[in-house]
């Protein structure tokens, strides 16, 4: 478990897929970042 985060687990420590707080970043950091054009469009919308 990272500091300020929790990886929910089953028996033998197998992750259930539920990631809490800072543990989310273990996976979320891999999602491709939006482009500058995407962000500008979202700000306008």
ModelCIF file with pLDDT and N, C-alpha, C, O atoms, coordinates in Angstrom:
data_MODEL
#
_entry.id   MODEL 
#
_entity.id                         1 
_entity.type                       polymer 
_entity.pdbx_number_of_molecules   1 
#
_entity_poly.entity_id                      1 
_entity_poly.type                           'polypeptide(L)' 
_entity_poly.nstd_linkage                   no 
_entity_poly.nstd_monomer                   no 
_entity_poly.pdbx_seq_one_letter_code       
;(UNK)(UNK)(UNK)(UNK)(UNK)(UNK)(UNK)(UNK)(UNK)(UNK)(UNK)(UNK)(UNK)(UNK)(UNK)(UNK)
(UNK)(UNK)(UNK)(UNK)(UNK)(UNK)(UNK)(UNK)(UNK)(UNK)(UNK)(UNK)(UNK)(UNK)(UNK)(UNK)
(UNK)(UNK)(UNK)(UNK)(UNK)(UNK)(UNK)(UNK)(UNK)(UNK)(UNK)(UNK)(UNK)
;
_entity_poly.pdbx_seq_one_letter_code_can   XXXXXXXXXXXXXXXXXXXXXXXXXXXXXXXXXXXXXXXXXXXXX 
_entity_poly.pdbx_strand_id                 A 
#
loop_
_entity_poly_seq.entity_id 
_entity_poly_seq.num 
_entity_poly_seq.mon_id 
_entity_poly_seq.hetero 
1 1  UNK n 
1 2  UNK n 
1 3  UNK n 
1 4  UNK n 
1 5  UNK n 
1 6  UNK n 
1 7  UNK n 
1 8  UNK n 
1 9  UNK n 
1 10 UNK n 
1 11 UNK n 
1 12 UNK n 
1 13 UNK n 
1 14 UNK n 
1 15 UNK n 
1 16 UNK n 
1 17 UNK n 
1 18 UNK n 
1 19 UNK n 
1 20 UNK n 
1 21 UNK n 
1 22 UNK n 
1 23 UNK n 
1 24 UNK n 
1 25 UNK n 
1 26 UNK n 
1 27 UNK n 
1 28 UNK n 
1 29 UNK n 
1 30 UNK n 
1 31 UNK n 
1 32 UNK n 
1 33 UNK n 
1 34 UNK n 
1 35 UNK n 
1 36 UNK n 
1 37 UNK n 
1 38 UNK n 
1 39 UNK n 
1 40 UNK n 
1 41 UNK n 
1 42 UNK n 
1 43 UNK n 
1 44 UNK n 
1 45 UNK n 
#
_struct_asym.id          A 
_struct_asym.entity_id   1 
#
loop_
_ma_qa_metric.id 
_ma_qa_metric.mode 
_ma_qa_metric.name 
_ma_qa_metric.software_group_id 
_ma_qa_metric.type 
1 global pLDDT . pLDDT 
2 local  pLDDT . pLDDT 
#
_ma_qa_metric_global.metric_id      1 
_ma_qa_metric_global.metric_value   93.47 
_ma_qa_metric_global.model_id       1 
_ma_qa_metric_global.ordinal_id     1 
#
loop_
_ma_qa_metric_local.label_asym_id 
_ma_qa_metric_local.label_comp_id 
_ma_qa_metric_local.label_seq_id 
_ma_qa_metric_local.metric_id 
_ma_qa_metric_local.metric_value 
_ma_qa_metric_local.model_id 
_ma_qa_metric_local.ordinal_id 
A UNK 1  2 94.00 1 1  
A UNK 2  2 94.00 1 2  
A UNK 3  2 93.00 1 3  
A UNK 4  2 91.00 1 4  
A UNK 5  2 93.00 1 5  
A UNK 6  2 94.00 1 6  
A UNK 7  2 95.00 1 7  
A UNK 8  2 94.00 1 8  
A UNK 9  2 95.00 1 9  
A UNK 10 2 92.00 1 10 
A UNK 11 2 85.00 1 11 
A UNK 12 2 86.00 1 12 
A UNK 13 2 92.00 1 13 
A UNK 14 2 93.00 1 14 
A UNK 15 2 95.00 1 15 
A UNK 16 2 95.00 1 16 
A UNK 17 2 93.00 1 17 
A UNK 18 2 95.00 1 18 
A UNK 19 2 95.00 1 19 
A UNK 20 2 94.00 1 20 
A UNK 21 2 91.00 1 21 
A UNK 22 2 93.00 1 22 
A UNK 23 2 94.00 1 23 
A UNK 24 2 94.00 1 24 
A UNK 25 2 94.00 1 25 
A UNK 26 2 96.00 1 26 
A UNK 27 2 95.00 1 27 
A UNK 28 2 93.00 1 28 
A UNK 29 2 94.00 1 29 
A UNK 30 2 95.00 1 30 
A UNK 31 2 93.00 1 31 
A UNK 32 2 92.00 1 32 
A UNK 33 2 91.00 1 33 
A UNK 34 2 93.00 1 34 
A UNK 35 2 94.00 1 35 
A UNK 36 2 95.00 1 36 
A UNK 37 2 94.00 1 37 
A UNK 38 2 93.00 1 38 
A UNK 39 2 95.00 1 39 
A UNK 40 2 95.00 1 40 
A UNK 41 2 94.00 1 41 
A UNK 42 2 94.00 1 42 
A UNK 43 2 96.00 1 43 
A UNK 44 2 95.00 1 44 
A UNK 45 2 95.00 1 45 
#
loop_
_atom_site.group_PDB 
_atom_site.id 
_atom_site.type_symbol 
_atom_site.label_atom_id 
_atom_site.label_alt_id 
_atom_site.label_comp_id 
_atom_site.label_asym_id 
_atom_site.label_entity_id 
_atom_site.label_seq_id 
_atom_site.pdbx_PDB_ins_code 
_atom_site.Cartn_x 
_atom_site.Cartn_y 
_atom_site.Cartn_z 
_atom_site.occupancy 
_atom_site.B_iso_or_equiv 
_atom_site.pdbx_formal_charge 
_atom_site.auth_seq_id 
_atom_site.auth_comp_id 
_atom_site.auth_asym_id 
_atom_site.auth_atom_id 
_atom_site.pdbx_PDB_model_num 
ATOM 1   N N  . UNK A 1 1  ? 0.852   -1.191  0.000   1.00 94.00 ? 1  UNK A N  1 
ATOM 2   C CA . UNK A 1 1  ? 0.000   0.000   0.000   1.00 94.00 ? 1  UNK A CA 1 
ATOM 3   C C  . UNK A 1 1  ? 0.885   1.237   0.000   1.00 94.00 ? 1  UNK A C  1 
ATOM 4   O O  . UNK A 1 1  ? 1.827   1.313   0.789   1.00 94.00 ? 1  UNK A O  1 
ATOM 5   N N  . UNK A 1 2  ? 0.609   2.206   -0.862  1.00 94.00 ? 2  UNK A N  1 
ATOM 6   C CA . UNK A 1 2  ? 1.404   3.437   -0.847  1.00 94.00 ? 2  UNK A CA 1 
ATOM 7   C C  . UNK A 1 2  ? 1.016   4.298   0.350   1.00 94.00 ? 2  UNK A C  1 
ATOM 8   O O  . UNK A 1 2  ? -0.039  4.072   0.943   1.00 94.00 ? 2  UNK A O  1 
ATOM 9   N N  . UNK A 1 3  ? 1.836   5.276   0.721   1.00 93.00 ? 3  UNK A N  1 
ATOM 10  C CA . UNK A 1 3  ? 1.429   6.203   1.784   1.00 93.00 ? 3  UNK A CA 1 
ATOM 11  C C  . UNK A 1 3  ? 0.112   6.883   1.422   1.00 93.00 ? 3  UNK A C  1 
ATOM 12  O O  . UNK A 1 3  ? -0.083  7.318   0.287   1.00 93.00 ? 3  UNK A O  1 
ATOM 13  N N  . UNK A 1 4  ? -0.790  6.968   2.402   1.00 91.00 ? 4  UNK A N  1 
ATOM 14  C CA . UNK A 1 4  ? -2.092  7.606   2.225   1.00 91.00 ? 4  UNK A CA 1 
ATOM 15  C C  . UNK A 1 4  ? -2.942  6.924   1.156   1.00 91.00 ? 4  UNK A C  1 
ATOM 16  O O  . UNK A 1 4  ? -3.746  7.570   0.484   1.00 91.00 ? 4  UNK A O  1 
ATOM 17  N N  . UNK A 1 5  ? -2.755  5.601   1.005   1.00 93.00 ? 5  UNK A N  1 
ATOM 18  C CA . UNK A 1 5  ? -3.543  4.856   0.037   1.00 93.00 ? 5  UNK A CA 1 
ATOM 19  C C  . UNK A 1 5  ? -3.760  3.427   0.473   1.00 93.00 ? 5  UNK A C  1 
ATOM 20  O O  . UNK A 1 5  ? -3.027  2.912   1.318   1.00 93.00 ? 5  UNK A O  1 
ATOM 21  N N  . UNK A 1 6  ? -4.779  2.769   -0.104  1.00 94.00 ? 6  UNK A N  1 
ATOM 22  C CA . UNK A 1 6  ? -5.118  1.383   0.245   1.00 94.00 ? 6  UNK A CA 1 
ATOM 23  C C  . UNK A 1 6  ? -5.417  0.589   -1.018  1.00 94.00 ? 6  UNK A C  1 
ATOM 24  O O  . UNK A 1 6  ? -6.203  1.029   -1.857  1.00 94.00 ? 6  UNK A O  1 
ATOM 25  N N  . UNK A 1 7  ? -4.794  -0.580  -1.159  1.00 95.00 ? 7  UNK A N  1 
ATOM 26  C CA . UNK A 1 7  ? -5.137  -1.550  -2.198  1.00 95.00 ? 7  UNK A CA 1 
ATOM 27  C C  . UNK A 1 7  ? -6.005  -2.607  -1.540  1.00 95.00 ? 7  UNK A C  1 
ATOM 28  O O  . UNK A 1 7  ? -5.521  -3.379  -0.712  1.00 95.00 ? 7  UNK A O  1 
ATOM 29  N N  . UNK A 1 8  ? -7.286  -2.653  -1.898  1.00 94.00 ? 8  UNK A N  1 
ATOM 30  C CA . UNK A 1 8  ? -8.160  -3.674  -1.316  1.00 94.00 ? 8  UNK A CA 1 
ATOM 31  C C  . UNK A 1 8  ? -7.764  -5.045  -1.856  1.00 94.00 ? 8  UNK A C  1 
ATOM 32  O O  . UNK A 1 8  ? -7.453  -5.187  -3.039  1.00 94.00 ? 8  UNK A O  1 
ATOM 33  N N  . UNK A 1 9  ? -7.777  -6.056  -0.981  1.00 95.00 ? 9  UNK A N  1 
ATOM 34  C CA . UNK A 1 9  ? -7.269  -7.369  -1.353  1.00 95.00 ? 9  UNK A CA 1 
ATOM 35  C C  . UNK A 1 9  ? -8.201  -8.492  -0.915  1.00 95.00 ? 9  UNK A C  1 
ATOM 36  O O  . UNK A 1 9  ? -9.000  -8.347  0.011   1.00 95.00 ? 9  UNK A O  1 
ATOM 37  N N  . UNK A 1 10 ? -8.067  -9.621  -1.616  1.00 92.00 ? 10 UNK A N  1 
ATOM 38  C CA . UNK A 1 10 ? -8.740  -10.857 -1.229  1.00 92.00 ? 10 UNK A CA 1 
ATOM 39  C C  . UNK A 1 10 ? -7.734  -11.713 -0.455  1.00 92.00 ? 10 UNK A C  1 
ATOM 40  O O  . UNK A 1 10 ? -6.695  -11.226 -0.011  1.00 92.00 ? 10 UNK A O  1 
ATOM 41  N N  . UNK A 1 11 ? -8.062  -12.986 -0.306  1.00 85.00 ? 11 UNK A N  1 
ATOM 42  C CA . UNK A 1 11 ? -7.136  -13.912 0.342   1.00 85.00 ? 11 UNK A CA 1 
ATOM 43  C C  . UNK A 1 11 ? -5.816  -13.937 -0.414  1.00 85.00 ? 11 UNK A C  1 
ATOM 44  O O  . UNK A 1 11 ? -5.785  -13.745 -1.629  1.00 85.00 ? 11 UNK A O  1 
ATOM 45  N N  . UNK A 1 12 ? -4.739  -14.172 0.303   1.00 86.00 ? 12 UNK A N  1 
ATOM 46  C CA . UNK A 1 12 ? -3.392  -14.187 -0.256  1.00 86.00 ? 12 UNK A CA 1 
ATOM 47  C C  . UNK A 1 12 ? -2.972  -12.843 -0.862  1.00 86.00 ? 12 UNK A C  1 
ATOM 48  O O  . UNK A 1 12 ? -2.015  -12.766 -1.633  1.00 86.00 ? 12 UNK A O  1 
ATOM 49  N N  . UNK A 1 13 ? -3.704  -11.796 -0.497  1.00 92.00 ? 13 UNK A N  1 
ATOM 50  C CA . UNK A 1 13 ? -3.297  -10.462 -0.905  1.00 92.00 ? 13 UNK A CA 1 
ATOM 51  C C  . UNK A 1 13 ? -3.614  -10.080 -2.331  1.00 92.00 ? 13 UNK A C  1 
ATOM 52  O O  . UNK A 1 13 ? -3.161  -9.033  -2.792  1.00 92.00 ? 13 UNK A O  1 
ATOM 53  N N  . UNK A 1 14 ? -4.376  -10.888 -3.051  1.00 93.00 ? 14 UNK A N  1 
ATOM 54  C CA . UNK A 1 14 ? -4.695  -10.606 -4.452  1.00 93.00 ? 14 UNK A CA 1 
ATOM 55  C C  . UNK A 1 14 ? -5.576  -9.360  -4.534  1.00 93.00 ? 14 UNK A C  1 
ATOM 56  O O  . UNK A 1 14 ? -6.609  -9.309  -3.866  1.00 93.00 ? 14 UNK A O  1 
ATOM 57  N N  . UNK A 1 15 ? -5.204  -8.351  -5.332  1.00 95.00 ? 15 UNK A N  1 
ATOM 58  C CA . UNK A 1 15 ? -6.007  -7.126  -5.425  1.00 95.00 ? 15 UNK A CA 1 
ATOM 59  C C  . UNK A 1 15 ? -7.398  -7.391  -6.002  1.00 95.00 ? 15 UNK A C  1 
ATOM 60  O O  . UNK A 1 15 ? -7.554  -8.115  -6.986  1.00 95.00 ? 15 UNK A O  1 
ATOM 61  N N  . UNK A 1 16 ? -8.389  -6.797  -5.374  1.00 95.00 ? 16 UNK A N  1 
ATOM 62  C CA . UNK A 1 16 ? -9.771  -6.908  -5.887  1.00 95.00 ? 16 UNK A CA 1 
ATOM 63  C C  . UNK A 1 16 ? -10.019 -5.960  -7.046  1.00 95.00 ? 16 UNK A C  1 
ATOM 64  O O  . UNK A 1 16 ? -11.026 -6.066  -7.746  1.00 95.00 ? 16 UNK A O  1 
ATOM 65  N N  . UNK A 1 17 ? -9.089  -5.031  -7.242  1.00 93.00 ? 17 UNK A N  1 
ATOM 66  C CA . UNK A 1 17 ? -9.265  -3.992  -8.247  1.00 93.00 ? 17 UNK A CA 1 
ATOM 67  C C  . UNK A 1 17 ? -9.667  -2.663  -7.652  1.00 93.00 ? 17 UNK A C  1 
ATOM 68  O O  . UNK A 1 17 ? -9.596  -1.637  -8.330  1.00 93.00 ? 17 UNK A O  1 
ATOM 69  N N  . UNK A 1 18 ? -10.096 -2.657  -6.378  1.00 95.00 ? 18 UNK A N  1 
ATOM 70  C CA . UNK A 1 18 ? -10.512 -1.420  -5.724  1.00 95.00 ? 18 UNK A CA 1 
ATOM 71  C C  . UNK A 1 18 ? -9.287  -0.734  -5.125  1.00 95.00 ? 18 UNK A C  1 
ATOM 72  O O  . UNK A 1 18 ? -8.591  -1.301  -4.282  1.00 95.00 ? 18 UNK A O  1 
ATOM 73  N N  . UNK A 1 19 ? -9.039  0.489   -5.571  1.00 95.00 ? 19 UNK A N  1 
ATOM 74  C CA . UNK A 1 19 ? -7.888  1.277   -5.135  1.00 95.00 ? 19 UNK A CA 1 
ATOM 75  C C  . UNK A 1 19 ? -8.389  2.553   -4.479  1.00 95.00 ? 19 UNK A C  1 
ATOM 76  O O  . UNK A 1 19 ? -9.151  3.308   -5.083  1.00 95.00 ? 19 UNK A O  1 
ATOM 77  N N  . UNK A 1 20 ? -7.965  2.795   -3.243  1.00 94.00 ? 20 UNK A N  1 
ATOM 78  C CA . UNK A 1 20 ? -8.468  3.937   -2.493  1.00 94.00 ? 20 UNK A CA 1 
ATOM 79  C C  . UNK A 1 20 ? -7.399  5.013   -2.326  1.00 94.00 ? 20 UNK A C  1 
ATOM 80  O O  . UNK A 1 20 ? -6.226  4.719   -2.099  1.00 94.00 ? 20 UNK A O  1 
ATOM 81  N N  . UNK A 1 21 ? -7.834  6.263   -2.444  1.00 91.00 ? 21 UNK A N  1 
ATOM 82  C CA . UNK A 1 21 ? -6.999  7.440   -2.221  1.00 91.00 ? 21 UNK A CA 1 
ATOM 83  C C  . UNK A 1 21 ? -5.713  7.379   -3.055  1.00 91.00 ? 21 UNK A C  1 
ATOM 84  O O  . UNK A 1 21 ? -5.791  7.216   -4.273  1.00 91.00 ? 21 UNK A O  1 
ATOM 85  N N  . UNK A 1 22 ? -4.529  7.505   -2.431  1.00 93.00 ? 22 UNK A N  1 
ATOM 86  C CA . UNK A 1 22 ? -3.281  7.581   -3.202  1.00 93.00 ? 22 UNK A CA 1 
ATOM 87  C C  . UNK A 1 22 ? -3.000  6.324   -4.011  1.00 93.00 ? 22 UNK A C  1 
ATOM 88  O O  . UNK A 1 22 ? -2.248  6.375   -4.984  1.00 93.00 ? 22 UNK A O  1 
ATOM 89  N N  . UNK A 1 23 ? -3.593  5.189   -3.626  1.00 94.00 ? 23 UNK A N  1 
ATOM 90  C CA . UNK A 1 23 ? -3.384  3.949   -4.395  1.00 94.00 ? 23 UNK A CA 1 
ATOM 91  C C  . UNK A 1 23 ? -3.965  4.065   -5.802  1.00 94.00 ? 23 UNK A C  1 
ATOM 92  O O  . UNK A 1 23 ? -3.544  3.335   -6.699  1.00 94.00 ? 23 UNK A O  1 
ATOM 93  N N  . UNK A 1 24 ? -4.908  4.953   -6.010  1.00 94.00 ? 24 UNK A N  1 
ATOM 94  C CA . UNK A 1 24 ? -5.472  5.157   -7.349  1.00 94.00 ? 24 UNK A CA 1 
ATOM 95  C C  . UNK A 1 24 ? -4.379  5.529   -8.360  1.00 94.00 ? 24 UNK A C  1 
ATOM 96  O O  . UNK A 1 24 ? -4.429  5.119   -9.520  1.00 94.00 ? 24 UNK A O  1 
ATOM 97  N N  . UNK A 1 25 ? -3.396  6.308   -7.905  1.00 94.00 ? 25 UNK A N  1 
ATOM 98  C CA . UNK A 1 25 ? -2.376  6.811   -8.823  1.00 94.00 ? 25 UNK A CA 1 
ATOM 99  C C  . UNK A 1 25 ? -1.507  5.701   -9.404  1.00 94.00 ? 25 UNK A C  1 
ATOM 100 O O  . UNK A 1 25 ? -0.854  5.903   -10.428 1.00 94.00 ? 25 UNK A O  1 
ATOM 101 N N  . UNK A 1 26 ? -1.489  4.538   -8.768  1.00 96.00 ? 26 UNK A N  1 
ATOM 102 C CA . UNK A 1 26 ? -0.720  3.409   -9.310  1.00 96.00 ? 26 UNK A CA 1 
ATOM 103 C C  . UNK A 1 26 ? -1.187  3.067   -10.721 1.00 96.00 ? 26 UNK A C  1 
ATOM 104 O O  . UNK A 1 26 ? -0.394  2.634   -11.557 1.00 96.00 ? 26 UNK A O  1 
ATOM 105 N N  . UNK A 1 27 ? -2.477  3.263   -10.980 1.00 95.00 ? 27 UNK A N  1 
ATOM 106 C CA . UNK A 1 27 ? -3.051  2.935   -12.287 1.00 95.00 ? 27 UNK A CA 1 
ATOM 107 C C  . UNK A 1 27 ? -3.428  4.193   -13.069 1.00 95.00 ? 27 UNK A C  1 
ATOM 108 O O  . UNK A 1 27 ? -3.174  4.277   -14.270 1.00 95.00 ? 27 UNK A O  1 
ATOM 109 N N  . UNK A 1 28 ? -4.029  5.162   -12.397 1.00 93.00 ? 28 UNK A N  1 
ATOM 110 C CA . UNK A 1 28 ? -4.530  6.365   -13.078 1.00 93.00 ? 28 UNK A CA 1 
ATOM 111 C C  . UNK A 1 28 ? -3.408  7.100   -13.810 1.00 93.00 ? 28 UNK A C  1 
ATOM 112 O O  . UNK A 1 28 ? -3.641  7.717   -14.849 1.00 93.00 ? 28 UNK A O  1 
ATOM 113 N N  . UNK A 1 29 ? -2.191  7.033   -13.267 1.00 94.00 ? 29 UNK A N  1 
ATOM 114 C CA . UNK A 1 29 ? -1.068  7.734   -13.906 1.00 94.00 ? 29 UNK A CA 1 
ATOM 115 C C  . UNK A 1 29 ? -0.772  7.226   -15.312 1.00 94.00 ? 29 UNK A C  1 
ATOM 116 O O  . UNK A 1 29 ? -0.104  7.908   -16.089 1.00 94.00 ? 29 UNK A O  1 
ATOM 117 N N  . UNK A 1 30 ? -1.262  6.033   -15.644 1.00 95.00 ? 30 UNK A N  1 
ATOM 118 C CA . UNK A 1 30 ? -0.996  5.454   -16.964 1.00 95.00 ? 30 UNK A CA 1 
ATOM 119 C C  . UNK A 1 30 ? -2.000  5.905   -18.023 1.00 95.00 ? 30 UNK A C  1 
ATOM 120 O O  . UNK A 1 30 ? -1.761  5.720   -19.216 1.00 95.00 ? 30 UNK A O  1 
ATOM 121 N N  . UNK A 1 31 ? -3.109  6.490   -17.605 1.00 93.00 ? 31 UNK A N  1 
ATOM 122 C CA . UNK A 1 31 ? -4.114  6.947   -18.582 1.00 93.00 ? 31 UNK A CA 1 
ATOM 123 C C  . UNK A 1 31 ? -3.525  8.111   -19.374 1.00 93.00 ? 31 UNK A C  1 
ATOM 124 O O  . UNK A 1 31 ? -3.023  9.063   -18.776 1.00 93.00 ? 31 UNK A O  1 
ATOM 125 N N  . UNK A 1 32 ? -3.572  8.057   -20.695 1.00 92.00 ? 32 UNK A N  1 
ATOM 126 C CA . UNK A 1 32 ? -2.988  9.132   -21.505 1.00 92.00 ? 32 UNK A CA 1 
ATOM 127 C C  . UNK A 1 32 ? -3.555  10.500  -21.139 1.00 92.00 ? 32 UNK A C  1 
ATOM 128 O O  . UNK A 1 32 ? -4.757  10.660  -20.926 1.00 92.00 ? 32 UNK A O  1 
ATOM 129 N N  . UNK A 1 33 ? -2.647  11.494  -21.071 1.00 91.00 ? 33 UNK A N  1 
ATOM 130 C CA . UNK A 1 33 ? -3.056  12.855  -20.734 1.00 91.00 ? 33 UNK A CA 1 
ATOM 131 C C  . UNK A 1 33 ? -3.818  13.491  -21.901 1.00 91.00 ? 33 UNK A C  1 
ATOM 132 O O  . UNK A 1 33 ? -3.521  13.210  -23.062 1.00 91.00 ? 33 UNK A O  1 
ATOM 133 N N  . UNK A 1 34 ? -4.786  14.335  -21.598 1.00 93.00 ? 34 UNK A N  1 
ATOM 134 C CA . UNK A 1 34 ? -5.478  15.056  -22.685 1.00 93.00 ? 34 UNK A CA 1 
ATOM 135 C C  . UNK A 1 34 ? -4.534  16.064  -23.334 1.00 93.00 ? 34 UNK A C  1 
ATOM 136 O O  . UNK A 1 34 ? -3.581  16.518  -22.702 1.00 93.00 ? 34 UNK A O  1 
ATOM 137 N N  . UNK A 1 35 ? -4.790  16.407  -24.567 1.00 94.00 ? 35 UNK A N  1 
ATOM 138 C CA . UNK A 1 35 ? -3.979  17.402  -25.260 1.00 94.00 ? 35 UNK A CA 1 
ATOM 139 C C  . UNK A 1 35 ? -4.372  18.803  -24.796 1.00 94.00 ? 35 UNK A C  1 
ATOM 140 O O  . UNK A 1 35 ? -5.406  18.996  -24.156 1.00 94.00 ? 35 UNK A O  1 
ATOM 141 N N  . UNK A 1 36 ? -3.528  19.769  -25.130 1.00 95.00 ? 36 UNK A N  1 
ATOM 142 C CA . UNK A 1 36 ? -3.836  21.160  -24.797 1.00 95.00 ? 36 UNK A CA 1 
ATOM 143 C C  . UNK A 1 36 ? -5.149  21.583  -25.453 1.00 95.00 ? 36 UNK A C  1 
ATOM 144 O O  . UNK A 1 36 ? -5.958  22.291  -24.853 1.00 95.00 ? 36 UNK A O  1 
ATOM 145 N N  . UNK A 1 37 ? -5.348  21.138  -26.694 1.00 94.00 ? 37 UNK A N  1 
ATOM 146 C CA . UNK A 1 37 ? -6.600  21.461  -27.397 1.00 94.00 ? 37 UNK A CA 1 
ATOM 147 C C  . UNK A 1 37 ? -7.793  20.847  -26.681 1.00 94.00 ? 37 UNK A C  1 
ATOM 148 O O  . UNK A 1 37 ? -8.850  21.472  -26.590 1.00 94.00 ? 37 UNK A O  1 
ATOM 149 N N  . UNK A 1 38 ? -7.634  19.620  -26.170 1.00 93.00 ? 38 UNK A N  1 
ATOM 150 C CA . UNK A 1 38 ? -8.717  18.970  -25.421 1.00 93.00 ? 38 UNK A CA 1 
ATOM 151 C C  . UNK A 1 38 ? -9.069  19.785  -24.168 1.00 93.00 ? 38 UNK A C  1 
ATOM 152 O O  . UNK A 1 38 ? -10.241 20.007  -23.865 1.00 93.00 ? 38 UNK A O  1 
ATOM 153 N N  . UNK A 1 39 ? -8.031  20.220  -23.453 1.00 95.00 ? 39 UNK A N  1 
ATOM 154 C CA . UNK A 1 39 ? -8.249  20.969  -22.212 1.00 95.00 ? 39 UNK A CA 1 
ATOM 155 C C  . UNK A 1 39 ? -8.930  22.303  -22.509 1.00 95.00 ? 39 UNK A C  1 
ATOM 156 O O  . UNK A 1 39 ? -9.857  22.704  -21.805 1.00 95.00 ? 39 UNK A O  1 
ATOM 157 N N  . UNK A 1 40 ? -8.465  22.984  -23.553 1.00 95.00 ? 40 UNK A N  1 
ATOM 158 C CA . UNK A 1 40 ? -9.071  24.272  -23.913 1.00 95.00 ? 40 UNK A CA 1 
ATOM 159 C C  . UNK A 1 40 ? -10.543 24.094  -24.252 1.00 95.00 ? 40 UNK A C  1 
ATOM 160 O O  . UNK A 1 40 ? -11.377 24.919  -23.879 1.00 95.00 ? 40 UNK A O  1 
ATOM 161 N N  . UNK A 1 41 ? -10.857 23.020  -24.957 1.00 94.00 ? 41 UNK A N  1 
ATOM 162 C CA . UNK A 1 41 ? -12.251 22.746  -25.307 1.00 94.00 ? 41 UNK A CA 1 
ATOM 163 C C  . UNK A 1 41 ? -13.082 22.470  -24.057 1.00 94.00 ? 41 UNK A C  1 
ATOM 164 O O  . UNK A 1 41 ? -14.223 22.920  -23.951 1.00 94.00 ? 41 UNK A O  1 
ATOM 165 N N  . UNK A 1 42 ? -12.503 21.723  -23.104 1.00 94.00 ? 42 UNK A N  1 
ATOM 166 C CA . UNK A 1 42 ? -13.240 21.421  -21.879 1.00 94.00 ? 42 UNK A CA 1 
ATOM 167 C C  . UNK A 1 42 ? -13.475 22.679  -21.040 1.00 94.00 ? 42 UNK A C  1 
ATOM 168 O O  . UNK A 1 42 ? -14.544 22.844  -20.454 1.00 94.00 ? 42 UNK A O  1 
ATOM 169 N N  . UNK A 1 43 ? -12.480 23.561  -20.984 1.00 96.00 ? 43 UNK A N  1 
ATOM 170 C CA . UNK A 1 43 ? -12.658 24.818  -20.249 1.00 96.00 ? 43 UNK A CA 1 
ATOM 171 C C  . UNK A 1 43 ? -13.814 25.608  -20.843 1.00 96.00 ? 43 UNK A C  1 
ATOM 172 O O  . UNK A 1 43 ? -14.654 26.139  -20.116 1.00 96.00 ? 43 UNK A O  1 
ATOM 173 N N  . UNK A 1 44 ? -13.851 25.680  -22.162 1.00 95.00 ? 44 UNK A N  1 
ATOM 174 C CA . UNK A 1 44 ? -14.930 26.410  -22.820 1.00 95.00 ? 44 UNK A CA 1 
ATOM 175 C C  . UNK A 1 44 ? -16.285 25.748  -22.551 1.00 95.00 ? 44 UNK A C  1 
ATOM 176 O O  . UNK A 1 44 ? -17.255 26.432  -22.224 1.00 95.00 ? 44 UNK A O  1 
ATOM 177 N N  . UNK A 1 45 ? -16.352 24.421  -22.688 1.00 95.00 ? 45 UNK A N  1 
ATOM 178 C CA . UNK A 1 45 ? -17.609 23.708  -22.475 1.00 95.00 ? 45 UNK A CA 1 
ATOM 179 C C  . UNK A 1 45 ? -18.097 23.843  -21.037 1.00 95.00 ? 45 UNK A C  1 
ATOM 180 O O  . UNK A 1 45 ? -19.146 23.301  -20.688 1.00 95.00 ? 45 UNK A O  1 
#
